[in-house]
Amino acid sequence: MAFLRVVRFTADPADAEQVLARRAALIDAVRGRFPGLTQTRLARVDERTWVDSWCWDSPDTLAAAVAVAHDLPESGPAFALVKDATSEEGEIVDER
């Protein structure tokens, strides 16, 4: 059963390129440690608002990754650009 974690956040528009670069580095680091990260997607809602979704192979892999996410060296630089972050997690029940 696949699980999805969606994070909505804001970032300064001047930091958009760095948001993308630091997110890519974080994804690489997470995948290196947790191969259960199967897909990521990032959408820009408006100039400041982003929605980032990460799909996981199981709730256990997701929970393990979230538990250590802030300990990864790539996390600090990536999260430094993020403000007003909220997250939700849920089981994927339909894909078409």
PDB file of N, CA and C in Angstrom:
ATOM      1  N   MET A   1       0.841  -1.167   0.000  1.00  0.00           N
ATOM      2  CA  MET A   1       0.000   0.000   0.000  1.00  0.00           C
ATOM      3  C   MET A   1       0.892   1.237   0.000  1.00  0.00           C
ATOM      4  N   ALA A   2       0.691   2.110  -0.944  1.00  0.00           N
ATOM      5  CA  ALA A   2       1.492   3.326  -1.084  1.00  0.00           C
ATOM      6  C   ALA A   2       0.928   4.436  -0.200  1.00  0.00           C
ATOM      7  N   PHE A   3       1.830   5.278   0.247  1.00  0.00           N
ATOM      8  CA  PHE A   3       1.449   6.417   1.079  1.00  0.00           C
ATOM      9  C   PHE A   3       2.008   7.693   0.475  1.00  0.00           C
ATOM     10  N   LEU A   4       1.310   8.786   0.733  1.00  0.00           N
ATOM     11  CA  LEU A   4       1.683  10.087   0.200  1.00  0.00           C
ATOM     12  C   LEU A   4       1.858  11.070   1.340  1.00  0.00           C
ATOM     13  N   ARG A   5       2.914  11.840   1.261  1.00  0.00           N
ATOM     14  CA  ARG A   5       3.111  12.955   2.194  1.00  0.00           C
ATOM     15  C   ARG A   5       3.119  14.221   1.355  1.00  0.00           C
ATOM     16  N   VAL A   6       2.253  15.149   1.699  1.00  0.00           N
ATOM     17  CA  VAL A   6       2.135  16.406   0.978  1.00  0.00           C
ATOM     18  C   VAL A   6       2.505  17.532   1.926  1.00  0.00           C
ATOM     19  N   VAL A   7       3.430  18.374   1.483  1.00  0.00           N
ATOM     20  CA  VAL A   7       3.862  19.519   2.278  1.00  0.00           C
ATOM     21  C   VAL A   7       3.562  20.782   1.481  1.00  0.00           C
ATOM     22  N   ARG A   8       2.859  21.682   2.120  1.00  0.00           N
ATOM     23  CA  ARG A   8       2.565  22.994   1.522  1.00  0.00           C
ATOM     24  C   ARG A   8       3.430  24.005   2.264  1.00  0.00           C
ATOM     25  N   PHE A   9       4.098  24.860   1.518  1.00  0.00           N
ATOM     26  CA  PHE A   9       4.986  25.845   2.150  1.00  0.00           C
ATOM     27  C   PHE A   9       5.078  27.099   1.304  1.00  0.00           C
ATOM     28  N   THR A  10       5.651  28.125   1.889  1.00  0.00           N
ATOM     29  CA  THR A  10       5.947  29.342   1.147  1.00  0.00           C
ATOM     30  C   THR A  10       7.453  29.535   1.129  1.00  0.00           C
ATOM     31  N   ALA A  11       7.890  30.277   0.119  1.00  0.00           N
ATOM     32  CA  ALA A  11       9.306  30.631  -0.003  1.00  0.00           C
ATOM     33  C   ALA A  11       9.391  31.957  -0.757  1.00  0.00           C
ATOM     34  N   ASP A  12      10.425  32.690  -0.476  1.00  0.00           N
ATOM     35  CA  ASP A  12      10.658  33.961  -1.158  1.00  0.00           C
ATOM     36  C   ASP A  12      10.838  33.687  -2.653  1.00  0.00           C
ATOM     37  N   PRO A  13      10.142  34.413  -3.515  1.00  0.00           N
ATOM     38  CA  PRO A  13      10.290  34.192  -4.959  1.00  0.00           C
ATOM     39  C   PRO A  13      11.737  34.321  -5.445  1.00  0.00           C
ATOM     40  N   ALA A  14      12.523  35.137  -4.783  1.00  0.00           N
ATOM     41  CA  ALA A  14      13.933  35.291  -5.163  1.00  0.00           C
ATOM     42  C   ALA A  14      14.728  34.013  -4.914  1.00  0.00           C
ATOM     43  N   ASP A  15      14.201  33.112  -4.093  1.00  0.00           N
ATOM     44  CA  ASP A  15      14.886  31.861  -3.754  1.00  0.00           C
ATOM     45  C   ASP A  15      14.413  30.668  -4.583  1.00  0.00           C
ATOM     46  N   ALA A  16      13.593  30.889  -5.606  1.00  0.00           N
ATOM     47  CA  ALA A  16      12.991  29.787  -6.353  1.00  0.00           C
ATOM     48  C   ALA A  16      14.031  28.812  -6.901  1.00  0.00           C
ATOM     49  N   GLU A  17      15.087  29.302  -7.500  1.00  0.00           N
ATOM     50  CA  GLU A  17      16.120  28.403  -8.045  1.00  0.00           C
ATOM     51  C   GLU A  17      16.785  27.600  -6.942  1.00  0.00           C
ATOM     52  N   GLN A  18      17.024  28.227  -5.802  1.00  0.00           N
ATOM     53  CA  GLN A  18      17.634  27.516  -4.681  1.00  0.00           C
ATOM     54  C   GLN A  18      16.671  26.506  -4.073  1.00  0.00           C
ATOM     55  N   VAL A  19      15.380  26.819  -4.038  1.00  0.00           N
ATOM     56  CA  VAL A  19      14.385  25.851  -3.562  1.00  0.00           C
ATOM     57  C   VAL A  19      14.501  24.580  -4.397  1.00  0.00           C
ATOM     58  N   LEU A  20      14.548  24.736  -5.714  1.00  0.00           N
ATOM     59  CA  LEU A  20      14.630  23.576  -6.607  1.00  0.00           C
ATOM     60  C   LEU A  20      15.938  22.808  -6.424  1.00  0.00           C
ATOM     61  N   ALA A  21      17.044  23.521  -6.340  1.00  0.00           N
ATOM     62  CA  ALA A  21      18.347  22.855  -6.215  1.00  0.00           C
ATOM     63  C   ALA A  21      18.485  22.134  -4.876  1.00  0.00           C
ATOM     64  N   ARG A  22      18.084  22.792  -3.808  1.00  0.00           N
ATOM     65  CA  ARG A  22      18.220  22.170  -2.480  1.00  0.00           C
ATOM     66  C   ARG A  22      17.233  21.025  -2.295  1.00  0.00           C
ATOM     67  N   ARG A  23      16.060  21.146  -2.887  1.00  0.00           N
ATOM     68  CA  ARG A  23      15.086  20.051  -2.847  1.00  0.00           C
ATOM     69  C   ARG A  23      15.653  18.837  -3.581  1.00  0.00           C
ATOM     70  N   ALA A  24      16.262  19.053  -4.732  1.00  0.00           N
ATOM     71  CA  ALA A  24      16.851  17.947  -5.496  1.00  0.00           C
ATOM     72  C   ALA A  24      17.939  17.241  -4.686  1.00  0.00           C
ATOM     73  N   ALA A  25      18.771  18.005  -4.004  1.00  0.00           N
ATOM     74  CA  ALA A  25      19.821  17.411  -3.168  1.00  0.00           C
ATOM     75  C   ALA A  25      19.212  16.610  -2.020  1.00  0.00           C
ATOM     76  N   LEU A  26      18.141  17.137  -1.423  1.00  0.00           N
ATOM     77  CA  LEU A  26      17.476  16.433  -0.330  1.00  0.00           C
ATOM     78  C   LEU A  26      16.838  15.134  -0.831  1.00  0.00           C
ATOM     79  N   ILE A  27      16.200  15.183  -1.984  1.00  0.00           N
ATOM     80  CA  ILE A  27      15.595  13.976  -2.542  1.00  0.00           C
ATOM     81  C   ILE A  27      16.661  12.914  -2.782  1.00  0.00           C
ATOM     82  N   ASP A  28      17.784  13.297  -3.358  1.00  0.00           N
ATOM     83  CA  ASP A  28      18.875  12.344  -3.596  1.00  0.00           C
ATOM     84  C   ASP A  28      19.345  11.714  -2.286  1.00  0.00           C
ATOM     85  N   ALA A  29      19.495  12.528  -1.257  1.00  0.00           N
ATOM     86  CA  ALA A  29      19.953  12.022   0.040  1.00  0.00           C
ATOM     87  C   ALA A  29      18.926  11.069   0.655  1.00  0.00           C
ATOM     88  N   VAL A  30      17.659  11.434   0.579  1.00  0.00           N
ATOM     89  CA  VAL A  30      16.610  10.581   1.146  1.00  0.00           C
ATOM     90  C   VAL A  30      16.539   9.268   0.379  1.00  0.00           C
ATOM     91  N   ARG A  31      16.589   9.337  -0.932  1.00  0.00           N
ATOM     92  CA  ARG A  31      16.535   8.096  -1.731  1.00  0.00           C
ATOM     93  C   ARG A  31      17.744   7.209  -1.465  1.00  0.00           C
ATOM     94  N   GLY A  32      18.883   7.814  -1.188  1.00  0.00           N
ATOM     95  CA  GLY A  32      20.067   7.030  -0.863  1.00  0.00           C
ATOM     96  C   GLY A  32      19.904   6.235   0.422  1.00  0.00           C
ATOM     97  N   ARG A  33      19.116   6.769   1.308  1.00  0.00           N
ATOM     98  CA  ARG A  33      18.912   6.117   2.605  1.00  0.00           C
ATOM     99  C   ARG A  33      17.610   5.322   2.666  1.00  0.00           C
ATOM    100  N   PHE A  34      16.613   5.756   1.912  1.00  0.00           N
ATOM    101  CA  PHE A  34      15.290   5.134   1.929  1.00  0.00           C
ATOM    102  C   PHE A  34      14.827   4.898   0.494  1.00  0.00           C
ATOM    103  N   PRO A  35      15.154   3.746  -0.083  1.00  0.00           N
ATOM    104  CA  PRO A  35      14.764   3.493  -1.472  1.00  0.00           C
ATOM    105  C   PRO A  35      13.252   3.377  -1.677  1.00  0.00           C
ATOM    106  N   GLY A  36      12.478   3.434  -0.620  1.00  0.00           N
ATOM    107  CA  GLY A  36      11.025   3.362  -0.734  1.00  0.00           C
ATOM    108  C   GLY A  36      10.373   4.649  -1.199  1.00  0.00           C
ATOM    109  N   LEU A  37      11.157   5.698  -1.416  1.00  0.00           N
ATOM    110  CA  LEU A  37      10.615   6.934  -1.992  1.00  0.00           C
ATOM    111  C   LEU A  37      10.478   6.699  -3.495  1.00  0.00           C
ATOM    112  N   THR A  38       9.247   6.549  -3.960  1.00  0.00           N
ATOM    113  CA  THR A  38       9.024   6.123  -5.338  1.00  0.00           C
ATOM    114  C   THR A  38       8.788   7.256  -6.316  1.00  0.00           C
ATOM    115  N   GLN A  39       8.311   8.391  -5.826  1.00  0.00           N
ATOM    116  CA  GLN A  39       8.003   9.501  -6.728  1.00  0.00           C
ATOM    117  C   GLN A  39       7.898  10.791  -5.933  1.00  0.00           C
ATOM    118  N   THR A  40       8.305  11.890  -6.555  1.00  0.00           N
ATOM    119  CA  THR A  40       8.092  13.208  -5.963  1.00  0.00           C
ATOM    120  C   THR A  40       7.543  14.133  -7.043  1.00  0.00           C
ATOM    121  N   ARG A  41       6.765  15.084  -6.606  1.00  0.00           N
ATOM    122  CA  ARG A  41       6.245  16.118  -7.505  1.00  0.00           C
ATOM    123  C   ARG A  41       6.165  17.423  -6.739  1.00  0.00           C
ATOM    124  N   LEU A  42       6.553  18.483  -7.415  1.00  0.00           N
ATOM    125  CA  LEU A  42       6.504  19.813  -6.812  1.00  0.00           C
ATOM    126  C   LEU A  42       5.689  20.718  -7.720  1.00  0.00           C
ATOM    127  N   ALA A  43       4.744  21.421  -7.137  1.00  0.00           N
ATOM    128  CA  ALA A  43       3.924  22.375  -7.886  1.00  0.00           C
ATOM    129  C   ALA A  43       4.053  23.752  -7.245  1.00  0.00           C
ATOM    130  N   ARG A  44       4.126  24.750  -8.089  1.00  0.00           N
ATOM    131  CA  ARG A  44       4.116  26.127  -7.589  1.00  0.00           C
ATOM    132  C   ARG A  44       2.694  26.650  -7.786  1.00  0.00           C
ATOM    133  N   VAL A  45       2.050  26.985  -6.691  1.00  0.00           N
ATOM    134  CA  VAL A  45       0.663  27.438  -6.714  1.00  0.00           C
ATOM    135  C   VAL A  45       0.591  28.899  -7.147  1.00  0.00           C
ATOM    136  N   ASP A  46       1.479  29.691  -6.608  1.00  0.00           N
ATOM    137  CA  ASP A  46       1.596  31.099  -6.981  1.00  0.00           C
ATOM    138  C   ASP A  46       3.051  31.497  -6.741  1.00  0.00           C
ATOM    139  N   GLU A  47       3.333  32.746  -6.786  1.00  0.00           N
ATOM    140  CA  GLU A  47       4.714  33.218  -6.686  1.00  0.00           C
ATOM    141  C   GLU A  47       5.422  32.741  -5.419  1.00  0.00           C
ATOM    142  N   ARG A  48       4.699  32.616  -4.322  1.00  0.00           N
ATOM    143  CA  ARG A  48       5.298  32.262  -3.043  1.00  0.00           C
ATOM    144  C   ARG A  48       4.954  30.858  -2.542  1.00  0.00           C
ATOM    145  N   THR A  49       3.882  30.278  -3.013  1.00  0.00           N
ATOM    146  CA  THR A  49       3.337  29.054  -2.433  1.00  0.00           C
ATOM    147  C   THR A  49       3.662  27.830  -3.283  1.00  0.00           C
ATOM    148  N   TRP A  50       4.104  26.784  -2.600  1.00  0.00           N
ATOM    149  CA  TRP A  50       4.488  25.530  -3.247  1.00  0.00           C
ATOM    150  C   TRP A  50       3.763  24.363  -2.577  1.00  0.00           C
ATOM    151  N   VAL A  51       3.539  23.297  -3.332  1.00  0.00           N
ATOM    152  CA  VAL A  51       2.986  22.057  -2.804  1.00  0.00           C
ATOM    153  C   VAL A  51       3.902  20.935  -3.276  1.00  0.00           C
ATOM    154  N   ASP A  52       4.459  20.212  -2.320  1.00  0.00           N
ATOM    155  CA  ASP A  52       5.432  19.158  -2.604  1.00  0.00           C
ATOM    156  C   ASP A  52       4.857  17.825  -2.156  1.00  0.00           C
ATOM    157  N   SER A  53       4.778  16.861  -3.071  1.00  0.00           N
ATOM    158  CA  SER A  53       4.243  15.545  -2.714  1.00  0.00           C
ATOM    159  C   SER A  53       5.314  14.485  -2.932  1.00  0.00           C
ATOM    160  N   TRP A  54       5.425  13.607  -1.952  1.00  0.00           N
ATOM    161  CA  TRP A  54       6.388  12.507  -1.988  1.00  0.00           C
ATOM    162  C   TRP A  54       5.613  11.219  -1.772  1.00  0.00           C
ATOM    163  N   CYS A  55       5.756  10.283  -2.693  1.00  0.00           N
ATOM    164  CA  CYS A  55       5.063   9.010  -2.617  1.00  0.00           C
ATOM    165  C   CYS A  55       6.011   7.941  -2.079  1.00  0.00           C
ATOM    166  N   TRP A  56       5.512   7.163  -1.141  1.00  0.00           N
ATOM    167  CA  TRP A  56       6.311   6.145  -0.465  1.00  0.00           C
ATOM    168  C   TRP A  56       5.706   4.766  -0.658  1.00  0.00           C
ATOM    169  N   ASP A  57       6.531   3.747  -0.628  1.00  0.00           N
ATOM    170  CA  ASP A  57       6.058   2.376  -0.832  1.00  0.00           C
ATOM    171  C   ASP A  57       5.273   1.826   0.351  1.00  0.00           C
ATOM    172  N   SER A  58       5.444   2.410   1.530  1.00  0.00           N
ATOM    173  CA  SER A  58       4.724   1.920   2.710  1.00  0.00           C
ATOM    174  C   SER A  58       4.688   2.995   3.783  1.00  0.00           C
ATOM    175  N   PRO A  59       3.739   2.886   4.711  1.00  0.00           N
ATOM    176  CA  PRO A  59       3.703   3.840   5.818  1.00  0.00           C
ATOM    177  C   PRO A  59       4.918   3.693   6.731  1.00  0.00           C
ATOM    178  N   ASP A  60       5.477   2.501   6.828  1.00  0.00           N
ATOM    179  CA  ASP A  60       6.650   2.297   7.678  1.00  0.00           C
ATOM    180  C   ASP A  60       7.875   3.024   7.127  1.00  0.00           C
ATOM    181  N   THR A  61       8.075   2.950   5.815  1.00  0.00           N
ATOM    182  CA  THR A  61       9.201   3.652   5.198  1.00  0.00           C
ATOM    183  C   THR A  61       9.033   5.158   5.351  1.00  0.00           C
ATOM    184  N   LEU A  62       7.828   5.631   5.125  1.00  0.00           N
ATOM    185  CA  LEU A  62       7.544   7.057   5.299  1.00  0.00           C
ATOM    186  C   LEU A  62       7.846   7.496   6.727  1.00  0.00           C
ATOM    187  N   ALA A  63       7.359   6.758   7.702  1.00  0.00           N
ATOM    188  CA  ALA A  63       7.580   7.116   9.110  1.00  0.00           C
ATOM    189  C   ALA A  63       9.065   7.102   9.457  1.00  0.00           C
ATOM    190  N   ALA A  64       9.796   6.116   8.957  1.00  0.00           N
ATOM    191  CA  ALA A  64      11.232   6.038   9.234  1.00  0.00           C
ATOM    192  C   ALA A  64      11.960   7.241   8.635  1.00  0.00           C
ATOM    193  N   ALA A  65      11.586   7.631   7.429  1.00  0.00           N
ATOM    194  CA  ALA A  65      12.240   8.773   6.779  1.00  0.00           C
ATOM    195  C   ALA A  65      11.915  10.081   7.497  1.00  0.00           C
ATOM    196  N   VAL A  66      10.666  10.263   7.864  1.00  0.00           N
ATOM    197  CA  VAL A  66      10.270  11.488   8.564  1.00  0.00           C
ATOM    198  C   VAL A  66      10.990  11.592   9.908  1.00  0.00           C
ATOM    199  N   ALA A  67      11.207  10.468  10.564  1.00  0.00           N
ATOM    200  CA  ALA A  67      11.860  10.462  11.879  1.00  0.00           C
ATOM    201  C   ALA A  67      13.292  10.972  11.828  1.00  0.00           C
ATOM    202  N   VAL A  68      13.970  10.787  10.704  1.00  0.00           N
ATOM    203  CA  VAL A  68      15.376  11.208  10.626  1.00  0.00           C
ATOM    204  C   VAL A  68      15.609  12.341   9.632  1.00  0.00           C
ATOM    205  N   ALA A  69      14.559  12.833   9.018  1.00  0.00           N
ATOM    206  CA  ALA A  69      14.709  13.837   7.959  1.00  0.00           C
ATOM    207  C   ALA A  69      15.539  15.041   8.394  1.00  0.00           C
ATOM    208  N   HIS A  70      15.307  15.530   9.586  1.00  0.00           N
ATOM    209  CA  HIS A  70      16.022  16.736  10.035  1.00  0.00           C
ATOM    210  C   HIS A  70      17.486  16.456  10.359  1.00  0.00           C
ATOM    211  N   ASP A  71      17.870  15.190  10.455  1.00  0.00           N
ATOM    212  CA  ASP A  71      19.256  14.834  10.743  1.00  0.00           C
ATOM    213  C   ASP A  71      20.126  14.755   9.491  1.00  0.00           C
ATOM    214  N   LEU A  72      19.525  14.716   8.321  1.00  0.00           N
ATOM    215  CA  LEU A  72      20.300  14.640   7.087  1.00  0.00           C
ATOM    216  C   LEU A  72      20.982  15.982   6.824  1.00  0.00           C
ATOM    217  N   PRO A  73      22.251  15.972   6.414  1.00  0.00           N
ATOM    218  CA  PRO A  73      22.954  17.235   6.158  1.00  0.00           C
ATOM    219  C   PRO A  73      22.259  18.120   5.119  1.00  0.00           C
ATOM    220  N   GLU A  74      21.546  17.531   4.195  1.00  0.00           N
ATOM    221  CA  GLU A  74      20.867  18.302   3.147  1.00  0.00           C
ATOM    222  C   GLU A  74      19.587  18.964   3.637  1.00  0.00           C
ATOM    223  N   SER A  75      19.086  18.537   4.774  1.00  0.00           N
ATOM    224  CA  SER A  75      17.826  19.075   5.289  1.00  0.00           C
ATOM    225  C   SER A  75      17.936  20.533   5.711  1.00  0.00           C
ATOM    226  N   GLY A  76      18.966  20.869   6.449  1.00  0.00           N
ATOM    227  CA  GLY A  76      19.116  22.237   6.945  1.00  0.00           C
ATOM    228  C   GLY A  76      19.062  23.270   5.839  1.00  0.00           C
ATOM    229  N   PRO A  77      19.908  23.139   4.808  1.00  0.00           N
ATOM    230  CA  PRO A  77      19.853  24.113   3.717  1.00  0.00           C
ATOM    231  C   PRO A  77      18.500  24.146   3.003  1.00  0.00           C
ATOM    232  N   ALA A  78      17.888  22.986   2.801  1.00  0.00           N
ATOM    233  CA  ALA A  78      16.593  22.961   2.121  1.00  0.00           C
ATOM    234  C   ALA A  78      15.513  23.615   2.973  1.00  0.00           C
ATOM    235  N   PHE A  79      15.454  23.244   4.245  1.00  0.00           N
ATOM    236  CA  PHE A  79      14.407  23.776   5.113  1.00  0.00           C
ATOM    237  C   PHE A  79      14.625  25.243   5.462  1.00  0.00           C
ATOM    238  N   ALA A  80      15.836  25.740   5.311  1.00  0.00           N
ATOM    239  CA  ALA A  80      16.115  27.141   5.616  1.00  0.00           C
ATOM    240  C   ALA A  80      15.337  28.088   4.699  1.00  0.00           C
ATOM    241  N   LEU A  81      14.971  27.620   3.527  1.00  0.00           N
ATOM    242  CA  LEU A  81      14.241  28.457   2.568  1.00  0.00           C
ATOM    243  C   LEU A  81      12.728  28.379   2.736  1.00  0.00           C
ATOM    244  N   VAL A  82      12.262  27.442   3.543  1.00  0.00           N
ATOM    245  CA  VAL A  82      10.841  27.136   3.668  1.00  0.00           C
ATOM    246  C   VAL A  82      10.231  27.866   4.858  1.00  0.00           C
ATOM    247  N   LYS A  83       9.046  28.418   4.627  1.00  0.00           N
ATOM    248  CA  LYS A  83       8.299  29.064   5.711  1.00  0.00           C
ATOM    249  C   LYS A  83       6.867  28.541   5.688  1.00  0.00           C
ATOM    250  N   ASP A  84       6.203  28.637   6.815  1.00  0.00           N
ATOM    251  CA  ASP A  84       4.779  28.298   6.925  1.00  0.00           C
ATOM    252  C   ASP A  84       4.458  26.892   6.424  1.00  0.00           C
ATOM    253  N   ALA A  85       5.314  25.935   6.714  1.00  0.00           N
ATOM    254  CA  ALA A  85       5.112  24.568   6.222  1.00  0.00           C
ATOM    255  C   ALA A  85       4.029  23.840   7.009  1.00  0.00           C
ATOM    256  N   THR A  86       3.162  23.153   6.274  1.00  0.00           N
ATOM    257  CA  THR A  86       2.179  22.241   6.848  1.00  0.00           C
ATOM    258  C   THR A  86       2.253  20.942   6.053  1.00  0.00           C
ATOM    259  N   SER A  87       1.949  19.838   6.718  1.00  0.00           N
ATOM    260  CA  SER A  87       2.027  18.561   6.009  1.00  0.00           C
ATOM    261  C   SER A  87       0.836  17.680   6.349  1.00  0.00           C
ATOM    262  N   GLU A  88       0.553  16.782   5.418  1.00  0.00           N
ATOM    263  CA  GLU A  88      -0.478  15.773   5.596  1.00  0.00           C
ATOM    264  C   GLU A  88       0.039  14.479   4.992  1.00  0.00           C
ATOM    265  N   GLU A  89      -0.434  13.368   5.545  1.00  0.00           N
ATOM    266  CA  GLU A  89      -0.068  12.057   5.042  1.00  0.00           C
ATOM    267  C   GLU A  89      -1.332  11.234   4.854  1.00  0.00           C
ATOM    268  N   GLY A  90      -1.303  10.370   3.851  1.00  0.00           N
ATOM    269  CA  GLY A  90      -2.454   9.521   3.647  1.00  0.00           C
ATOM    270  C   GLY A  90      -2.159   8.368   2.720  1.00  0.00           C
ATOM    271  N   GLU A  91      -2.993   7.342   2.820  1.00  0.00           N
ATOM    272  CA  GLU A  91      -2.874   6.178   1.966  1.00  0.00           C
ATOM    273  C   GLU A  91      -3.423   6.504   0.581  1.00  0.00           C
ATOM    274  N   ILE A  92      -2.711   6.109  -0.443  1.00  0.00           N
ATOM    275  CA  ILE A  92      -3.193   6.275  -1.802  1.00  0.00           C
ATOM    276  C   ILE A  92      -4.207   5.177  -2.073  1.00  0.00           C
ATOM    277  N   VAL A  93      -5.422   5.558  -2.385  1.00  0.00           N
ATOM    278  CA  VAL A  93      -6.486   4.576  -2.587  1.00  0.00           C
ATOM    279  C   VAL A  93      -6.906   4.447  -4.062  1.00  0.00           C
ATOM    280  N   ASP A  94      -6.451   5.358  -4.908  1.00  0.00           N
ATOM    281  CA  ASP A  94      -6.798   5.271  -6.327  1.00  0.00           C
ATOM    282  C   ASP A  94      -5.768   6.031  -7.143  1.00  0.00           C
ATOM    283  N   GLU A  95      -5.308   5.416  -8.213  1.00  0.00           N
ATOM    284  CA  GLU A  95      -4.417   6.070  -9.176  1.00  0.00           C
ATOM    285  C   GLU A  95      -4.914   5.701 -10.566  1.00  0.00           C
ATOM    286  N   ARG A  96      -4.961   6.647 -11.442  1.00  0.00           N
ATOM    287  CA  ARG A  96      -5.427   6.359 -12.815  1.00  0.00           C
ATOM    288  C   ARG A  96      -4.483   6.944 -13.819  1.00  0.00           C
TER     289      ARG A  96
END
